[in-house]
Protein backbone atom coordinates (compact mmCIF):
# COMPACT_ATOMS: atom_id res chain seq x y z
CA MET A 1 0.00 0.00 0.00
CA ILE A 2 2.81 2.43 0.88
CA ASP A 3 4.37 1.98 -2.56
CA HIS A 4 1.00 2.52 -4.27
CA VAL A 5 0.20 5.64 -2.24
CA LYS A 6 3.49 7.32 -3.06
CA TYR A 7 4.19 6.14 -6.61
CA GLY A 8 0.93 4.70 -7.93
CA LYS A 9 -0.49 1.21 -8.15
CA VAL A 10 -0.05 0.82 -11.91
CA ARG A 11 3.38 0.77 -13.50
CA PRO A 12 2.92 3.09 -16.49
CA ILE A 13 5.29 1.11 -18.66
CA ALA A 14 2.92 -1.85 -18.27
CA LEU A 15 0.39 0.17 -20.29
CA ASP A 16 2.76 1.95 -22.67
CA ARG A 17 6.33 0.81 -23.23
CA ARG A 18 7.24 4.27 -24.50
CA TRP A 19 6.78 5.81 -21.05
CA ASN A 20 10.22 6.56 -19.59
CA VAL A 21 9.50 8.26 -16.25
CA ASP A 22 9.90 6.05 -13.18
CA PRO A 23 8.95 7.89 -9.97
CA ARG A 24 10.83 5.24 -8.01
CA ALA A 25 14.16 6.06 -9.67
CA GLY A 26 16.52 7.58 -7.13
CA ALA A 27 13.95 7.24 -4.34
CA PRO A 28 14.73 5.70 -0.94
CA PRO A 29 14.23 1.92 -0.73
CA LEU A 30 10.68 0.86 0.04
CA GLU A 31 11.91 -0.81 3.20
CA SER A 32 13.05 2.53 4.61
CA LEU A 33 9.65 4.10 3.86
CA ILE A 34 7.92 1.22 5.64
CA ALA A 35 10.24 1.64 8.62
CA ASP A 36 9.52 5.38 8.78
CA VAL A 37 5.78 4.77 8.74
CA ALA A 38 6.03 2.08 11.39
CA ALA A 39 8.07 4.35 13.64
CA ALA A 40 5.77 7.35 13.23
CA ALA A 41 3.59 8.50 16.13
CA SER A 42 0.60 8.20 13.81
CA PRO A 43 1.16 5.68 10.98
CA PRO A 44 -2.07 6.72 9.18
CA ALA A 45 -0.89 10.33 9.16
CA ALA A 46 2.53 9.22 7.95
CA ILE A 47 0.95 7.32 5.07
CA GLU A 48 -1.16 10.35 4.21
CA GLY A 49 2.03 12.40 4.13
CA LEU A 50 3.46 10.18 1.41
CA LYS A 51 0.84 11.37 -1.06
CA PRO A 52 1.80 14.17 -3.48
CA ASN A 53 1.14 17.61 -2.02
CA HIS A 54 1.11 19.39 -5.38
CA PHE A 55 -1.96 21.55 -6.08
CA ILE A 56 -2.83 19.36 -9.08
CA TYR A 57 -3.07 16.23 -6.94
CA THR A 58 -4.90 17.89 -4.05
CA GLY A 59 -7.30 19.49 -6.54
CA LEU A 60 -8.01 16.12 -8.12
CA LYS A 61 -8.57 14.61 -4.69
CA GLN A 62 -11.14 17.30 -3.92
CA ALA A 63 -12.80 16.74 -7.30
CA LEU A 64 -13.04 13.01 -6.60
CA ALA A 65 -14.89 13.76 -3.35
CA ARG A 66 -17.28 16.10 -5.20
CA TYR A 67 -18.14 13.60 -7.93
CA ARG A 68 -18.62 10.82 -5.42
CA GLY A 69 -20.95 13.18 -3.57
CA TYR A 70 -22.90 13.82 -6.79
CA GLU A 71 -23.12 10.06 -7.31
CA ALA A 72 -24.36 9.48 -3.73
CA ARG A 73 -27.11 12.07 -4.30
CA GLY A 74 -28.31 10.30 -7.42
CA GLY A 75 -26.24 12.07 -10.04
CA TRP A 76 -28.20 13.73 -12.86
CA PRO A 77 -30.70 12.62 -15.49
CA ALA A 78 -29.64 11.82 -19.05
CA ILE A 79 -30.57 14.51 -21.57
CA PRO A 80 -32.20 13.18 -24.76
CA LEU A 81 -29.87 13.54 -27.74
CA LYS A 82 -32.61 13.62 -30.36
CA GLY A 83 -33.30 17.11 -31.59
CA PRO A 84 -31.48 20.05 -33.15
CA SER A 85 -28.65 22.02 -31.60
CA ILE A 86 -30.15 24.46 -29.08
CA LYS A 87 -29.04 28.05 -29.66
CA PRO A 88 -29.42 30.87 -27.11
CA GLY A 89 -32.84 32.47 -27.46
CA ALA A 90 -34.47 29.28 -28.71
CA SER A 91 -37.03 27.09 -26.97
CA ASP A 92 -36.64 23.34 -26.48
CA ALA A 93 -38.39 20.73 -24.39
CA ARG A 94 -35.02 19.55 -23.07
CA MET A 95 -34.18 22.84 -21.35
CA PRO A 96 -35.66 21.91 -17.91
CA ILE A 97 -33.43 18.80 -17.81
CA ILE A 98 -30.42 20.81 -18.99
CA ARG A 99 -30.96 23.34 -16.21
CA GLN A 100 -31.20 20.50 -13.71
CA ARG A 101 -27.94 19.08 -15.04
CA LEU A 102 -26.15 22.44 -14.75
CA VAL A 103 -27.43 23.00 -11.20
CA ALA A 104 -26.15 19.56 -10.16
CA THR A 105 -22.50 20.51 -10.74
CA GLY A 106 -22.79 24.15 -9.68
CA ASP A 107 -22.58 25.65 -13.16
CA LEU A 108 -26.02 27.21 -12.60
CA ASP A 109 -27.32 28.67 -9.34
CA ALA A 110 -30.18 26.55 -7.98
CA LYS A 111 -32.10 29.76 -7.24
CA THR A 112 -32.17 30.77 -10.92
CA PRO A 113 -35.80 31.43 -11.95
CA ASP A 114 -37.43 28.64 -13.94
CA THR A 115 -37.90 29.79 -17.54
CA GLY A 116 -39.53 26.61 -18.81
CA GLU A 117 -38.41 25.62 -22.28
CA ALA A 118 -36.80 29.00 -23.04
CA TYR A 119 -33.03 29.23 -23.37
CA GLY A 120 -32.18 32.59 -21.81
CA ASP A 121 -29.03 34.55 -21.04
CA VAL A 122 -28.48 33.28 -17.51
CA VAL A 123 -28.55 29.64 -18.60
CA ARG A 124 -26.38 30.50 -21.61
CA SER A 125 -23.68 31.80 -19.25
CA ALA A 126 -23.91 28.56 -17.27
CA VAL A 127 -23.60 26.50 -20.46
CA GLN A 128 -20.53 28.51 -21.51
CA LYS A 129 -19.00 27.92 -18.09
CA PHE A 130 -19.61 24.18 -18.50
CA GLN A 131 -18.12 24.24 -22.00
CA GLU A 132 -15.00 26.05 -20.82
CA ARG A 133 -14.47 23.52 -18.03
CA HIS A 134 -14.76 20.70 -20.57
CA ARG A 135 -12.45 22.34 -23.11
CA LEU A 136 -15.21 22.82 -25.66
CA ALA A 137 -15.93 25.87 -27.80
CA ALA A 138 -17.69 28.19 -25.34
CA ASP A 139 -20.26 29.43 -27.87
CA GLY A 140 -23.32 28.62 -25.76
CA ALA A 141 -24.78 26.35 -28.45
CA ILE A 142 -25.94 23.05 -26.95
CA GLY A 143 -25.04 20.55 -29.66
CA ARG A 144 -24.14 16.87 -29.64
CA THR A 145 -20.62 17.35 -28.25
CA THR A 146 -21.87 19.42 -25.30
CA LEU A 147 -24.76 17.02 -24.63
CA ASP A 148 -22.39 14.05 -24.68
CA ALA A 149 -20.24 15.78 -22.05
CA MET A 150 -23.29 16.59 -19.93
CA ASN A 151 -24.48 12.99 -20.11
CA VAL A 152 -21.29 11.48 -18.69
CA SER A 153 -22.40 10.13 -15.32
CA ALA A 154 -21.03 11.24 -11.97
CA ALA A 155 -19.62 7.73 -11.44
CA ALA A 156 -17.82 7.82 -14.79
CA ARG A 157 -16.37 11.26 -14.03
CA ALA A 158 -15.20 10.00 -10.63
CA ASP A 159 -13.42 7.12 -12.36
CA GLN A 160 -11.83 9.58 -14.79
CA VAL A 161 -10.54 11.63 -11.85
CA ARG A 162 -9.15 8.44 -10.26
CA ALA A 163 -7.26 7.64 -13.46
CA ASN A 164 -5.67 11.07 -13.52
CA MET A 165 -4.75 10.96 -9.84
CA GLU A 166 -2.77 7.84 -10.73
CA ARG A 167 -1.09 9.66 -13.63
CA ALA A 168 -0.25 12.54 -11.29
CA ARG A 169 1.49 10.12 -8.91
CA TRP A 170 3.70 8.97 -11.81
CA VAL A 171 4.88 12.48 -12.64
CA LEU A 172 4.60 14.88 -9.72
CA ALA A 173 7.05 13.08 -7.42
CA GLY A 174 9.98 13.76 -9.74
CA ARG A 175 9.09 17.20 -11.00
CA GLY A 176 11.38 20.21 -10.82
CA ASP A 177 10.38 23.82 -10.37
CA SER A 178 10.81 24.69 -14.07
CA PHE A 179 9.79 22.63 -17.09
CA VAL A 180 7.73 22.54 -20.25
CA LEU A 181 4.48 20.61 -19.81
CA VAL A 182 2.46 19.29 -22.74
CA ASN A 183 -0.98 17.92 -21.88
CA LEU A 184 -2.02 15.94 -24.95
CA PRO A 185 -5.83 15.65 -24.60
CA ALA A 186 -6.04 19.28 -23.45
CA PHE A 187 -4.21 20.35 -26.65
CA LYS A 188 -2.13 22.76 -24.55
CA VAL A 189 1.55 23.42 -23.82
CA TYR A 190 2.72 25.32 -20.74
CA LEU A 191 6.03 26.79 -19.62
CA ILE A 192 6.41 26.47 -15.85
CA ARG A 193 9.07 28.56 -14.12
CA ASN A 194 9.62 28.42 -10.38
CA GLN A 195 6.33 26.53 -10.06
CA LYS A 196 4.40 29.27 -11.89
CA ASN A 197 2.75 29.07 -15.29
CA VAL A 198 4.44 31.89 -17.24
CA TRP A 199 3.28 31.00 -20.75
CA GLU A 200 0.83 28.70 -22.51
CA SER A 201 -0.45 28.04 -26.00
CA ARG A 202 -2.75 25.77 -27.97
CA THR A 203 -1.30 22.73 -29.70
CA VAL A 204 -2.02 20.21 -32.44
CA ILE A 205 -1.04 16.61 -31.63
CA GLY A 206 -0.80 13.29 -33.47
CA GLN A 207 -3.79 11.85 -35.26
CA ASN A 208 -5.23 8.61 -33.89
CA ALA A 209 -3.22 6.46 -36.30
CA ARG A 210 0.00 8.30 -35.31
CA GLN A 211 -0.54 9.06 -31.64
CA THR A 212 1.87 11.33 -29.78
CA PRO A 213 3.40 9.33 -26.91
CA ALA A 214 3.71 10.48 -23.30
CA PHE A 215 7.30 10.62 -22.06
CA ARG A 216 9.96 12.90 -20.58
CA ALA A 217 13.07 14.41 -22.18
CA GLU A 218 15.30 17.50 -21.97
CA MET A 219 15.04 20.43 -24.36
CA ARG A 220 18.55 21.30 -25.48
CA TYR A 221 18.30 23.65 -28.43
CA ILE A 222 16.09 25.75 -30.70
CA VAL A 223 16.39 25.95 -34.48
CA PHE A 224 15.12 29.03 -36.32
CA ASN A 225 14.22 28.61 -39.99
CA PRO A 226 14.68 24.83 -39.85
CA ASP A 227 14.72 22.55 -42.82
CA TRP A 228 12.58 19.42 -42.60
CA THR A 229 13.81 15.91 -43.18
CA VAL A 230 10.89 13.64 -44.05
CA PRO A 231 10.60 10.97 -41.31
CA PRO A 232 10.06 7.28 -42.14
CA THR A 233 6.35 7.22 -41.29
CA ILE A 234 5.50 10.17 -43.52
CA LEU A 235 7.81 8.85 -46.24
CA ALA A 236 5.96 5.53 -46.30
CA LYS A 237 2.38 6.62 -45.80
CA ASP A 238 2.33 10.02 -47.50
CA VAL A 239 5.16 10.63 -49.95
CA LEU A 240 5.75 7.22 -51.53
CA GLU A 241 2.04 6.42 -51.69
CA SER A 242 1.40 9.79 -53.35
CA MET A 243 4.19 9.28 -55.88
CA ARG A 244 2.84 5.84 -56.79
CA LYS A 245 -0.52 7.46 -57.54
CA GLY A 246 1.15 10.04 -59.76
CA GLU A 247 0.25 12.94 -57.41
CA ASN A 248 3.90 14.13 -57.17
CA ALA A 249 4.19 14.90 -53.46
CA VAL A 250 7.87 15.70 -54.03
CA ALA A 251 7.04 18.73 -56.15
CA ARG A 252 3.98 19.72 -54.10
CA LYS A 253 5.92 19.71 -50.83
CA ARG A 254 8.98 21.33 -52.44
CA LEU A 255 11.23 18.43 -51.45
CA THR A 256 14.80 17.86 -52.55
CA ILE A 257 16.07 14.29 -52.79
CA TYR A 258 19.61 13.42 -51.68
CA ASP A 259 21.59 10.21 -52.06
CA ARG A 260 23.86 8.77 -49.38
CA GLN A 261 26.72 10.98 -50.54
CA GLY A 262 24.60 14.08 -50.08
CA LYS A 263 24.16 14.74 -53.80
CA ALA A 264 20.82 15.95 -55.17
CA VAL A 265 18.89 13.36 -57.18
CA ASP A 266 16.50 13.98 -60.06
CA PRO A 267 13.06 12.58 -58.99
CA SER A 268 12.44 11.30 -62.53
CA THR A 269 15.34 8.84 -62.16
CA ILE A 270 13.63 6.98 -59.29
CA ASP A 271 11.36 3.99 -59.90
CA TRP A 272 8.52 5.19 -57.68
CA PRO A 273 6.09 2.27 -58.27
CA THR A 274 8.57 -0.16 -56.69
CA ALA A 275 10.01 2.18 -54.04
CA ASP A 276 9.83 0.73 -50.51
CA ALA A 277 10.30 2.87 -47.41
CA ARG A 278 12.25 0.08 -45.66
CA SER A 279 14.97 0.09 -48.31
CA PHE A 280 14.60 3.59 -49.78
CA PRO A 281 18.21 4.79 -50.24
CA TYR A 282 17.45 8.51 -50.32
CA THR A 283 16.79 11.35 -47.89
CA LEU A 284 14.00 13.81 -48.65
CA ARG A 285 14.40 17.32 -47.30
CA GLN A 286 12.34 20.51 -47.43
CA ALA A 287 14.25 23.81 -47.34
CA PRO A 288 13.33 26.58 -44.87
CA GLY A 289 10.48 28.83 -45.93
CA ASP A 290 6.94 29.94 -45.25
CA ASP A 291 5.55 26.60 -46.44
CA ASN A 292 8.04 24.46 -44.51
CA ALA A 293 6.23 21.77 -42.51
CA LEU A 294 8.00 22.90 -39.32
CA GLY A 295 7.27 26.58 -39.85
CA ARG A 296 9.87 29.07 -38.63
CA VAL A 297 11.12 27.38 -35.46
CA LYS A 298 11.47 23.97 -33.81
CA PHE A 299 12.36 22.99 -30.24
CA ILE A 300 14.51 19.89 -29.88
CA PHE A 301 14.53 17.55 -26.90
CA PRO A 302 16.32 14.41 -28.20
CA ASN A 303 14.25 11.25 -27.79
CA GLU A 304 13.82 7.86 -29.38
CA HIS A 305 10.42 8.82 -30.83
CA SER A 306 11.69 11.73 -32.96
CA ILE A 307 9.03 13.95 -31.36
CA PHE A 308 9.55 17.69 -30.95
CA LEU A 309 7.65 20.99 -30.71
CA HIS A 310 7.46 23.18 -33.79
CA ASP A 311 5.71 25.94 -35.69
CA THR A 312 3.37 25.17 -38.60
CA PRO A 313 2.09 26.89 -41.73
CA HIS A 314 -1.37 25.41 -41.07
CA ARG A 315 -2.63 28.03 -38.64
CA ASP A 316 -6.32 27.32 -39.28
CA LEU A 317 -6.21 24.01 -37.39
CA PHE A 318 -5.80 25.74 -34.02
CA SER A 319 -9.41 26.92 -34.18
CA GLN A 320 -10.68 23.32 -34.01
CA ASP A 321 -11.82 21.82 -30.69
CA LYS A 322 -10.29 18.40 -31.35
CA ARG A 323 -6.81 19.00 -32.75
CA THR A 324 -5.45 15.56 -33.68
CA PHE A 325 -3.96 16.31 -37.09
CA SER A 326 -0.19 15.85 -36.94
CA SER A 327 1.96 12.81 -37.64
CA GLY A 328 3.06 12.68 -34.01
CA CYS A 329 5.02 15.87 -33.40
CA ILE A 330 3.47 18.74 -31.46
CA ARG A 331 2.57 21.91 -33.34
CA VAL A 332 2.51 25.10 -31.27
CA GLU A 333 0.24 28.05 -32.02
CA ASN A 334 2.58 30.79 -30.75
CA PRO A 335 6.05 29.26 -31.02
CA LEU A 336 8.04 32.50 -31.39
CA GLU A 337 6.60 33.65 -28.05
CA LEU A 338 7.87 30.41 -26.52
CA ALA A 339 11.31 30.92 -28.08
CA ALA A 340 11.51 34.48 -26.72
CA THR A 341 10.47 33.34 -23.24
CA LEU A 342 12.94 30.44 -23.20
CA LEU A 343 15.82 32.66 -24.38
CA GLN A 344 14.97 35.56 -22.09
CA GLY A 345 18.18 36.72 -20.41
CA GLN A 346 20.38 34.50 -22.58
CA ASP A 347 23.01 36.58 -24.35
CA ASP A 348 21.31 39.12 -26.62
CA TRP A 349 18.36 36.97 -27.73
CA THR A 350 15.68 39.63 -27.54
CA PRO A 351 12.36 39.37 -29.43
CA ASP A 352 13.76 41.87 -31.95
CA LYS A 353 16.80 39.71 -32.62
CA ILE A 354 14.61 36.62 -33.00
CA LYS A 355 12.51 38.50 -35.56
CA GLN A 356 15.64 39.54 -37.47
CA VAL A 357 16.89 35.96 -37.60
CA VAL A 358 13.52 34.61 -38.72
CA ASP A 359 13.15 37.33 -41.36
CA SER A 360 16.62 36.51 -42.74
CA GLY A 361 15.42 33.07 -43.79
CA LYS A 362 18.75 31.55 -42.74
CA SER A 363 18.80 28.56 -40.43
CA GLU A 364 20.33 29.20 -37.00
CA THR A 365 20.63 26.90 -33.99
CA VAL A 366 20.66 28.26 -30.43
CA PHE A 367 21.56 25.99 -27.51
CA LEU A 368 19.88 26.64 -24.19
CA LYS A 369 22.36 27.55 -21.47
CA THR A 370 20.48 25.23 -19.14
CA PRO A 371 18.60 22.25 -20.64
CA LEU A 372 14.93 22.30 -19.65
CA PRO A 373 12.83 19.22 -18.85
CA VAL A 374 9.92 18.53 -21.18
CA VAL A 375 7.14 16.39 -19.74
CA ILE A 376 4.47 15.15 -22.13
CA VAL A 377 1.47 13.87 -20.17
CA TYR A 378 -1.94 12.47 -20.93
CA TRP A 379 -4.29 14.03 -18.36
CA THR A 380 -7.97 13.98 -19.26
CA VAL A 381 -8.75 15.79 -15.99
CA SER A 382 -6.44 18.53 -14.73
CA VAL A 383 -6.40 21.34 -12.20
CA GLY A 384 -5.33 24.93 -12.85
CA ALA A 385 -3.16 27.01 -10.54
CA THR A 386 -6.26 28.69 -9.06
CA GLY A 387 -7.98 25.36 -8.44
CA GLU A 388 -10.28 25.25 -11.47
CA LEU A 389 -11.02 21.77 -12.80
CA HIS A 390 -10.77 21.07 -16.52
CA VAL A 391 -12.02 17.95 -18.27
CA ALA A 392 -10.86 16.86 -21.73
CA ARG A 393 -12.07 14.20 -24.12
CA ASP A 394 -10.17 10.92 -24.01
CA VAL A 395 -9.07 11.34 -27.63
CA TYR A 396 -6.69 8.35 -27.61
CA LEU A 397 -8.94 6.16 -25.42
CA ARG A 398 -6.24 5.68 -22.81
CA ASP A 399 -8.49 5.99 -19.73
CA PRO A 400 -10.22 2.56 -19.96
CA PRO A 401 -7.05 0.41 -19.86
CA LEU A 402 -5.71 2.45 -16.94
CA LEU A 403 -8.96 2.09 -15.01
CA HIS A 404 -8.98 -1.64 -15.74
CA ALA A 405 -5.47 -1.89 -14.29
CA LEU A 406 -6.42 0.23 -11.27
CA ASN A 407 -9.37 -2.01 -10.53
CA GLY A 408 -7.40 -5.24 -10.94
CA ALA A 409 -4.50 -6.91 -9.21
CA PRO A 410 -1.11 -5.18 -9.45
CA VAL A 411 0.78 -6.15 -12.60
CA PRO A 412 4.60 -6.02 -12.64
CA ALA A 413 6.21 -3.89 -15.31
CA PRO A 414 7.47 -5.87 -18.33
CA PRO A 415 11.22 -5.85 -19.06
CA ARG A 416 12.35 -3.20 -21.51
């Protein structure tokens, strides 16, 4: 029990072999923890003290108590899905149930006057509050996505909180005071300095077929005006397939082909119908520019997955609620802001100098004086610095296997 309380019951690598953060690494032996608890004046209090004291964990613990309270009081009724999207100012027979649902979780004051089937301004504000908490477009329109979120039961939400308390135990024990945090299902990246969130931005992550993994690494350098070397997955599934169909992805993506000696190769000399990514003897590279797949800057934290943060020319995708469009890397909406914040106080890297370098079009690499941890997590429920609870969709369906493991017998981690 002591091990589970401090580090979590489930070994994350048992669910995902790509996970490389072990909260037990460098920790005191379990035997010494057991001895400390046994020698304590109050062993129960000592065990309680082993739990993470970070605001994220304590906020999740409070949320778990709330949702279990909702469940004990009967939860909330399911709202019928049949019917059009309900816009503010409209009337709909489902509005009384929707108001009841919003009152149940405190999004709407229970003393709000009953307006029958009318959808008025007060309820609209409550709906927008609910949408913001669930990382949905806060437009006040009650469509299928909002109704689906409202219809998740109190018991299911409590289980979701439990899953994320377990994930918090994996990460929070080994955290530093400063790091970059990427929360995949929230589609957000944060820069934490001295335990304070100093910058954040929206992200685009890997599509379901090319999911972005959760892991930890160290950011070492930034590249302005990067070129882009086509990775194996995109080579196989996008470029070669396109060339076989005669769609000429090489020309469309402005790629240059190089042989193993670094010499440019004429695309017309390659037998594209028989080309195989496993034995393809060439490197495909896209020069820096406005249409470069990595945009104007990339942030490198070496890892075995070839994942990094970068800019993108596809700015329109950040307006989507569900942003699973990349091939695995993490696109950042405001990457030059991140670069300026990371390089603040380092030599003469002011925002003006960054702009000059970007405008020059020439590639330049800048190493961070102090490498910065990057932690990529998958938290479908999270807590903000002021205690607000945010819920995200389980876009990669990673909650069910974790809950299954939490509810079952402990499973040892497989060998790497």
